[in-house]
């Protein structure tokens, strides 16, 4: 007895690479937003200018600084040059003095601890985005 088995082999390498880059870029930006949110929660507040100035920038998108209690709005941080890079920070000149301390001021870190807290969310965010982007490959009968 012979069994006829037919297979359909198709190469989707370019599509997979394109989707993979989308997953990486989207996940990196979402992780940046988590860092931004954590940093704003951890930031010391006087007028709210420093907290409101914390923003996230990616090559194709970004957040805007928020107004302080007195209405001032800080400038955005620079956009990254690499499309797979995401920057989170503040363009306020005294931000580093708060983060690292100064001669007369102890450090009150907010960015580095926010990054540490966000590390635990990196894998779940990337998995979620990967499952969404590759859903038709993961469940071919659904398509």
N, C-alpha and C. Protein backbone atom coordinates (compact mmCIF):
# COMPACT_ATOMS: atom_id res chain seq x y z
N UNK A 1 0.84 -1.17 0.00
CA UNK A 1 0.00 0.00 0.00
C UNK A 1 0.89 1.24 0.00
N UNK A 2 0.60 2.15 -0.89
CA UNK A 2 1.38 3.39 -0.93
C UNK A 2 0.48 4.57 -0.57
N UNK A 3 1.08 5.51 0.06
CA UNK A 3 0.35 6.72 0.48
C UNK A 3 0.93 7.90 -0.29
N UNK A 4 0.07 8.63 -0.93
CA UNK A 4 0.52 9.84 -1.62
C UNK A 4 0.50 11.01 -0.64
N UNK A 5 1.62 11.61 -0.43
CA UNK A 5 1.71 12.78 0.43
C UNK A 5 2.20 13.94 -0.42
N UNK A 6 1.46 15.01 -0.39
CA UNK A 6 1.85 16.19 -1.14
C UNK A 6 2.23 17.29 -0.15
N UNK A 7 3.31 17.93 -0.42
CA UNK A 7 3.73 19.04 0.42
C UNK A 7 3.90 20.27 -0.44
N UNK A 8 3.64 21.39 0.16
CA UNK A 8 3.81 22.67 -0.52
C UNK A 8 4.87 23.43 0.25
N UNK A 9 6.01 23.60 -0.34
CA UNK A 9 7.12 24.26 0.31
C UNK A 9 7.24 25.67 -0.25
N UNK A 10 7.26 26.65 0.63
CA UNK A 10 7.40 28.04 0.19
C UNK A 10 8.39 28.74 1.10
N UNK A 11 9.23 29.55 0.52
CA UNK A 11 10.22 30.32 1.27
C UNK A 11 9.62 31.69 1.59
N UNK A 12 9.60 32.02 2.88
CA UNK A 12 9.06 33.31 3.33
C UNK A 12 10.11 34.11 4.07
N UNK A 13 11.37 33.88 3.75
CA UNK A 13 12.48 34.50 4.48
C UNK A 13 12.43 36.00 4.53
N UNK A 14 12.18 36.65 3.41
CA UNK A 14 12.15 38.12 3.40
C UNK A 14 11.00 38.66 4.24
N UNK A 15 9.84 38.00 4.16
CA UNK A 15 8.69 38.40 4.97
C UNK A 15 8.99 38.22 6.46
N UNK A 16 9.62 37.11 6.80
CA UNK A 16 9.94 36.84 8.20
C UNK A 16 10.94 37.87 8.72
N UNK A 17 11.96 38.22 7.92
CA UNK A 17 12.93 39.23 8.35
C UNK A 17 12.25 40.59 8.54
N UNK A 18 11.36 40.95 7.61
CA UNK A 18 10.65 42.22 7.72
C UNK A 18 9.80 42.26 8.99
N UNK A 19 9.05 41.20 9.22
CA UNK A 19 8.20 41.13 10.41
C UNK A 19 9.04 41.11 11.68
N UNK A 20 10.16 40.43 11.64
CA UNK A 20 11.05 40.38 12.80
C UNK A 20 11.56 41.77 13.18
N UNK A 21 11.94 42.56 12.17
CA UNK A 21 12.37 43.94 12.43
C UNK A 21 11.23 44.76 13.03
N UNK A 22 10.01 44.54 12.53
CA UNK A 22 8.86 45.26 13.09
C UNK A 22 8.67 44.90 14.56
N UNK A 23 8.80 43.62 14.89
CA UNK A 23 8.64 43.18 16.28
C UNK A 23 9.71 43.83 17.16
N UNK A 24 10.95 43.84 16.70
CA UNK A 24 12.04 44.42 17.48
C UNK A 24 11.81 45.91 17.71
N UNK A 25 11.48 46.64 16.64
CA UNK A 25 11.29 48.08 16.76
C UNK A 25 10.10 48.43 17.65
N UNK A 26 8.98 47.75 17.44
CA UNK A 26 7.79 48.03 18.25
C UNK A 26 8.03 47.67 19.71
N UNK A 27 8.68 46.54 19.95
CA UNK A 27 8.94 46.11 21.33
C UNK A 27 9.90 47.07 22.02
N UNK A 28 10.94 47.50 21.32
CA UNK A 28 11.90 48.44 21.91
C UNK A 28 11.20 49.74 22.30
N UNK A 29 10.31 50.23 21.44
CA UNK A 29 9.59 51.47 21.76
C UNK A 29 8.67 51.27 22.96
N UNK A 30 7.96 50.16 23.01
CA UNK A 30 7.07 49.89 24.14
C UNK A 30 7.84 49.74 25.44
N UNK A 31 9.00 49.12 25.38
CA UNK A 31 9.84 49.01 26.58
C UNK A 31 10.31 50.39 26.99
N UNK A 32 10.64 51.23 26.02
CA UNK A 32 11.01 52.62 26.32
C UNK A 32 9.89 53.36 27.03
N UNK A 33 8.66 53.13 26.60
CA UNK A 33 7.52 53.77 27.26
C UNK A 33 7.36 53.29 28.70
N UNK A 34 7.66 52.02 28.95
CA UNK A 34 7.62 51.50 30.32
C UNK A 34 8.69 52.20 31.16
N UNK A 35 9.89 52.34 30.61
CA UNK A 35 10.97 53.05 31.32
C UNK A 35 10.54 54.49 31.60
N UNK A 36 9.97 55.14 30.60
CA UNK A 36 9.51 56.53 30.78
C UNK A 36 8.50 56.63 31.92
N UNK A 37 7.52 55.75 31.92
CA UNK A 37 6.50 55.78 32.97
C UNK A 37 7.07 55.53 34.35
N UNK A 38 7.96 54.56 34.46
CA UNK A 38 8.60 54.27 35.75
C UNK A 38 9.45 55.45 36.21
N UNK A 39 10.20 56.06 35.27
CA UNK A 39 11.05 57.20 35.62
C UNK A 39 10.22 58.37 36.12
N UNK A 40 9.08 58.60 35.51
CA UNK A 40 8.22 59.69 35.95
C UNK A 40 7.67 59.43 37.35
N UNK A 41 7.39 58.18 37.66
CA UNK A 41 6.92 57.84 39.00
C UNK A 41 8.02 58.00 40.04
N UNK A 42 9.25 57.73 39.66
CA UNK A 42 10.37 57.74 40.60
C UNK A 42 11.06 59.09 40.71
N UNK A 43 10.77 60.00 39.81
CA UNK A 43 11.45 61.29 39.75
C UNK A 43 11.03 62.19 40.91
N UNK A 44 12.00 62.84 41.49
CA UNK A 44 11.71 63.83 42.52
C UNK A 44 10.94 65.01 41.90
N UNK A 45 10.02 65.58 42.63
CA UNK A 45 9.16 66.61 42.05
C UNK A 45 9.21 67.88 42.91
N UNK A 46 9.52 68.98 42.25
CA UNK A 46 9.42 70.30 42.87
C UNK A 46 8.35 71.07 42.10
N UNK A 47 8.65 71.41 40.86
CA UNK A 47 7.66 72.10 40.01
C UNK A 47 7.03 71.16 38.99
N UNK A 48 7.60 69.96 38.85
CA UNK A 48 7.11 69.02 37.85
C UNK A 48 7.79 69.16 36.51
N UNK A 49 8.71 70.13 36.40
CA UNK A 49 9.40 70.37 35.13
C UNK A 49 10.26 69.17 34.73
N UNK A 50 11.05 68.65 35.66
CA UNK A 50 11.91 67.50 35.36
C UNK A 50 11.07 66.28 35.03
N UNK A 51 10.08 65.98 35.84
CA UNK A 51 9.22 64.82 35.59
C UNK A 51 8.53 64.93 34.23
N UNK A 52 8.01 66.09 33.93
CA UNK A 52 7.33 66.30 32.65
C UNK A 52 8.26 66.26 31.46
N UNK A 53 9.55 66.49 31.69
CA UNK A 53 10.50 66.53 30.58
C UNK A 53 10.94 65.14 30.13
N UNK A 54 10.69 64.12 30.90
CA UNK A 54 11.12 62.77 30.55
C UNK A 54 10.29 62.29 29.35
N UNK A 55 10.98 61.90 28.29
CA UNK A 55 10.28 61.46 27.09
C UNK A 55 11.06 60.35 26.40
N UNK A 56 10.37 59.68 25.49
CA UNK A 56 10.91 58.54 24.75
C UNK A 56 10.97 58.90 23.28
N UNK A 57 12.08 58.57 22.62
CA UNK A 57 12.21 58.86 21.20
C UNK A 57 12.73 57.63 20.47
N UNK A 58 12.07 57.32 19.37
CA UNK A 58 12.53 56.28 18.45
C UNK A 58 12.67 56.96 17.09
N UNK A 59 13.24 56.25 16.14
CA UNK A 59 13.48 56.86 14.82
C UNK A 59 12.18 57.30 14.16
N UNK A 60 11.09 56.57 14.38
CA UNK A 60 9.85 56.87 13.67
C UNK A 60 8.71 57.37 14.57
N UNK A 61 8.97 57.51 15.85
CA UNK A 61 7.90 57.98 16.76
C UNK A 61 8.51 58.44 18.06
N UNK A 62 7.70 59.10 18.88
CA UNK A 62 8.18 59.56 20.17
C UNK A 62 7.08 60.20 20.98
N UNK A 63 7.41 60.47 22.24
CA UNK A 63 6.46 61.15 23.12
C UNK A 63 6.89 62.59 23.29
N UNK A 64 5.99 63.42 23.70
CA UNK A 64 6.27 64.83 23.92
C UNK A 64 6.38 65.12 25.41
N UNK A 65 7.28 66.02 25.79
CA UNK A 65 7.33 66.43 27.19
C UNK A 65 6.01 67.05 27.62
N UNK A 66 5.69 66.91 28.89
CA UNK A 66 4.44 67.44 29.44
C UNK A 66 4.71 68.76 30.15
N UNK A 67 3.72 69.63 30.23
CA UNK A 67 3.93 70.90 30.93
C UNK A 67 4.11 70.70 32.44
N UNK A 68 4.96 71.54 33.02
CA UNK A 68 5.16 71.54 34.47
C UNK A 68 3.98 72.25 35.13
N UNK A 69 3.98 72.25 36.45
CA UNK A 69 2.91 72.93 37.19
C UNK A 69 2.82 74.41 36.82
N UNK A 70 3.97 75.01 36.46
CA UNK A 70 3.98 76.43 36.11
C UNK A 70 3.79 76.67 34.61
N UNK A 71 3.49 75.61 33.84
CA UNK A 71 3.18 75.75 32.43
C UNK A 71 4.37 75.60 31.49
N UNK A 72 5.59 75.57 32.01
CA UNK A 72 6.77 75.43 31.14
C UNK A 72 6.81 74.03 30.55
N UNK A 73 7.28 73.94 29.32
CA UNK A 73 7.46 72.64 28.66
C UNK A 73 8.92 72.52 28.26
N UNK A 74 9.56 71.43 28.68
CA UNK A 74 10.97 71.20 28.37
C UNK A 74 11.12 70.74 26.93
N UNK A 75 12.32 70.87 26.38
CA UNK A 75 12.56 70.36 25.02
C UNK A 75 12.60 68.84 25.00
N UNK A 76 12.39 68.27 23.81
CA UNK A 76 12.49 66.82 23.62
C UNK A 76 13.96 66.41 23.64
N UNK A 77 14.21 65.17 23.98
CA UNK A 77 15.54 64.62 23.80
C UNK A 77 15.74 64.36 22.31
N UNK A 78 16.97 64.14 21.90
CA UNK A 78 17.28 63.90 20.49
C UNK A 78 16.68 62.57 20.04
N UNK A 79 16.38 62.50 18.76
CA UNK A 79 15.93 61.24 18.18
C UNK A 79 17.15 60.39 17.85
N UNK A 80 17.03 59.09 18.01
CA UNK A 80 18.18 58.23 17.68
C UNK A 80 18.44 58.19 16.18
N UNK A 81 19.67 57.90 15.82
CA UNK A 81 20.03 57.80 14.40
C UNK A 81 19.74 56.42 13.85
N UNK A 82 19.81 55.42 14.71
CA UNK A 82 19.61 54.03 14.31
C UNK A 82 18.14 53.68 14.49
N UNK A 83 17.53 53.03 13.50
CA UNK A 83 16.11 52.72 13.60
C UNK A 83 15.82 51.60 14.60
N UNK A 84 16.83 50.94 15.12
CA UNK A 84 16.61 49.91 16.13
C UNK A 84 17.01 50.39 17.51
N UNK A 85 17.09 51.70 17.68
CA UNK A 85 17.49 52.29 18.95
C UNK A 85 16.34 53.13 19.49
N UNK A 86 16.17 53.10 20.79
CA UNK A 86 15.16 53.92 21.46
C UNK A 86 15.86 54.65 22.60
N UNK A 87 15.61 55.94 22.71
CA UNK A 87 16.21 56.74 23.77
C UNK A 87 15.12 57.18 24.75
N UNK A 88 15.44 57.12 26.03
CA UNK A 88 14.54 57.61 27.07
C UNK A 88 15.38 58.53 27.95
N UNK A 89 14.89 59.71 28.22
CA UNK A 89 15.66 60.62 29.06
C UNK A 89 15.02 61.98 29.17
N UNK A 90 15.84 62.94 29.56
CA UNK A 90 15.40 64.31 29.73
C UNK A 90 16.43 65.25 29.13
N UNK A 91 15.97 66.33 28.55
CA UNK A 91 16.86 67.36 28.02
C UNK A 91 17.06 68.49 29.02
N UNK A 92 16.51 68.35 30.22
CA UNK A 92 16.66 69.38 31.25
C UNK A 92 18.11 69.34 31.76
N UNK A 93 18.74 70.50 31.80
CA UNK A 93 20.17 70.54 32.12
C UNK A 93 20.51 70.04 33.52
N UNK A 94 19.61 70.12 34.47
CA UNK A 94 19.93 69.67 35.82
C UNK A 94 19.53 68.21 36.07
N UNK A 95 19.00 67.55 35.07
CA UNK A 95 18.63 66.14 35.20
C UNK A 95 19.78 65.25 35.68
N UNK A 96 20.97 65.37 35.08
CA UNK A 96 22.09 64.55 35.54
C UNK A 96 22.47 64.81 37.00
N UNK A 97 22.30 66.07 37.46
CA UNK A 97 22.62 66.38 38.86
C UNK A 97 21.66 65.69 39.82
N UNK A 98 20.40 65.52 39.40
CA UNK A 98 19.44 64.79 40.22
C UNK A 98 19.76 63.30 40.16
N UNK A 99 20.00 62.78 38.97
CA UNK A 99 20.26 61.35 38.78
C UNK A 99 21.54 60.90 39.50
N UNK A 100 22.61 61.66 39.36
CA UNK A 100 23.92 61.24 39.87
C UNK A 100 24.38 62.00 41.11
N UNK A 101 23.71 63.08 41.46
CA UNK A 101 24.13 63.89 42.60
C UNK A 101 25.12 64.96 42.17
N UNK A 102 25.41 65.85 43.10
CA UNK A 102 26.36 66.94 42.87
C UNK A 102 27.11 67.17 44.18
N UNK A 103 27.99 68.14 44.20
CA UNK A 103 28.78 68.39 45.41
C UNK A 103 27.91 68.62 46.64
N UNK A 104 26.86 69.36 46.47
CA UNK A 104 26.01 69.70 47.63
C UNK A 104 24.69 68.97 47.64
N UNK A 105 24.51 68.03 46.73
CA UNK A 105 23.22 67.35 46.62
C UNK A 105 23.45 65.85 46.45
N UNK A 106 22.79 65.04 47.26
CA UNK A 106 22.91 63.59 47.08
C UNK A 106 22.14 63.15 45.82
N UNK A 107 22.52 62.02 45.29
CA UNK A 107 21.83 61.52 44.09
C UNK A 107 20.43 61.05 44.44
N UNK A 108 19.52 61.25 43.49
CA UNK A 108 18.15 60.76 43.59
C UNK A 108 17.82 60.11 42.24
N UNK A 109 18.40 58.93 42.00
CA UNK A 109 18.25 58.31 40.69
C UNK A 109 16.80 58.01 40.33
N UNK A 110 16.49 58.21 39.07
CA UNK A 110 15.15 57.90 38.58
C UNK A 110 15.19 57.18 37.24
N UNK A 111 16.18 57.45 36.39
CA UNK A 111 16.25 56.80 35.09
C UNK A 111 16.84 55.39 35.17
N UNK A 112 17.96 55.25 35.87
CA UNK A 112 18.60 53.93 35.95
C UNK A 112 17.72 52.92 36.70
N UNK A 113 17.11 53.28 37.82
CA UNK A 113 16.20 52.31 38.45
C UNK A 113 14.99 51.98 37.60
N UNK A 114 14.51 52.96 36.83
CA UNK A 114 13.37 52.71 35.93
C UNK A 114 13.75 51.69 34.87
N UNK A 115 14.96 51.80 34.35
CA UNK A 115 15.43 50.82 33.37
C UNK A 115 15.53 49.43 34.01
N UNK A 116 16.04 49.38 35.23
CA UNK A 116 16.14 48.09 35.93
C UNK A 116 14.76 47.45 36.10
N UNK A 117 13.78 48.25 36.47
CA UNK A 117 12.42 47.71 36.66
C UNK A 117 11.80 47.25 35.36
N UNK A 118 12.11 47.92 34.27
CA UNK A 118 11.52 47.58 32.97
C UNK A 118 12.11 46.32 32.37
N UNK A 119 13.28 45.92 32.81
CA UNK A 119 13.92 44.74 32.22
C UNK A 119 13.04 43.50 32.35
N UNK A 120 12.30 43.38 33.43
CA UNK A 120 11.42 42.23 33.61
C UNK A 120 10.24 42.22 32.65
N UNK A 121 9.98 43.33 32.00
CA UNK A 121 8.84 43.41 31.07
C UNK A 121 9.27 43.23 29.62
N UNK A 122 10.58 43.19 29.37
CA UNK A 122 11.08 43.13 27.99
C UNK A 122 10.65 41.84 27.29
N UNK A 123 10.81 40.71 27.93
CA UNK A 123 10.47 39.45 27.28
C UNK A 123 8.96 39.32 27.06
N UNK A 124 8.11 39.61 28.06
CA UNK A 124 6.66 39.51 27.78
C UNK A 124 6.19 40.46 26.67
N UNK A 125 6.74 41.66 26.63
CA UNK A 125 6.35 42.61 25.57
C UNK A 125 6.76 42.08 24.20
N UNK A 126 7.98 41.57 24.10
CA UNK A 126 8.47 41.05 22.83
C UNK A 126 7.69 39.80 22.42
N UNK A 127 7.37 38.94 23.36
CA UNK A 127 6.57 37.75 23.04
C UNK A 127 5.19 38.14 22.53
N UNK A 128 4.56 39.09 23.20
CA UNK A 128 3.22 39.54 22.78
C UNK A 128 3.26 40.08 21.35
N UNK A 129 4.25 40.95 21.07
CA UNK A 129 4.35 41.53 19.73
C UNK A 129 4.70 40.48 18.69
N UNK A 130 5.55 39.52 19.05
CA UNK A 130 5.90 38.45 18.12
C UNK A 130 4.71 37.58 17.79
N UNK A 131 3.92 37.25 18.80
CA UNK A 131 2.72 36.42 18.57
C UNK A 131 1.72 37.15 17.68
N UNK A 132 1.58 38.45 17.88
CA UNK A 132 0.65 39.22 17.05
C UNK A 132 1.15 39.31 15.61
N UNK A 133 2.43 39.60 15.43
CA UNK A 133 2.98 39.78 14.09
C UNK A 133 3.06 38.48 13.31
N UNK A 134 3.32 37.38 14.01
CA UNK A 134 3.50 36.09 13.34
C UNK A 134 2.30 35.15 13.54
N UNK A 135 1.15 35.71 13.84
CA UNK A 135 -0.03 34.89 14.13
C UNK A 135 -0.36 33.95 12.97
N UNK A 136 -0.26 34.42 11.75
CA UNK A 136 -0.62 33.56 10.61
C UNK A 136 0.40 32.44 10.39
N UNK A 137 1.63 32.62 10.83
CA UNK A 137 2.61 31.54 10.76
C UNK A 137 2.42 30.56 11.93
N UNK A 138 2.03 31.09 13.08
CA UNK A 138 1.87 30.23 14.27
C UNK A 138 0.60 29.39 14.19
N UNK A 139 -0.42 29.89 13.49
CA UNK A 139 -1.68 29.17 13.36
C UNK A 139 -2.12 29.26 11.90
N UNK A 140 -1.51 28.46 11.03
CA UNK A 140 -1.77 28.60 9.59
C UNK A 140 -3.22 28.29 9.21
N UNK A 141 -3.92 27.50 9.98
CA UNK A 141 -5.31 27.17 9.64
C UNK A 141 -6.24 28.37 9.81
N UNK A 142 -5.84 29.32 10.66
CA UNK A 142 -6.68 30.49 10.89
C UNK A 142 -6.66 31.44 9.71
N UNK A 143 -5.62 31.36 8.87
CA UNK A 143 -5.54 32.32 7.75
C UNK A 143 -6.23 31.80 6.50
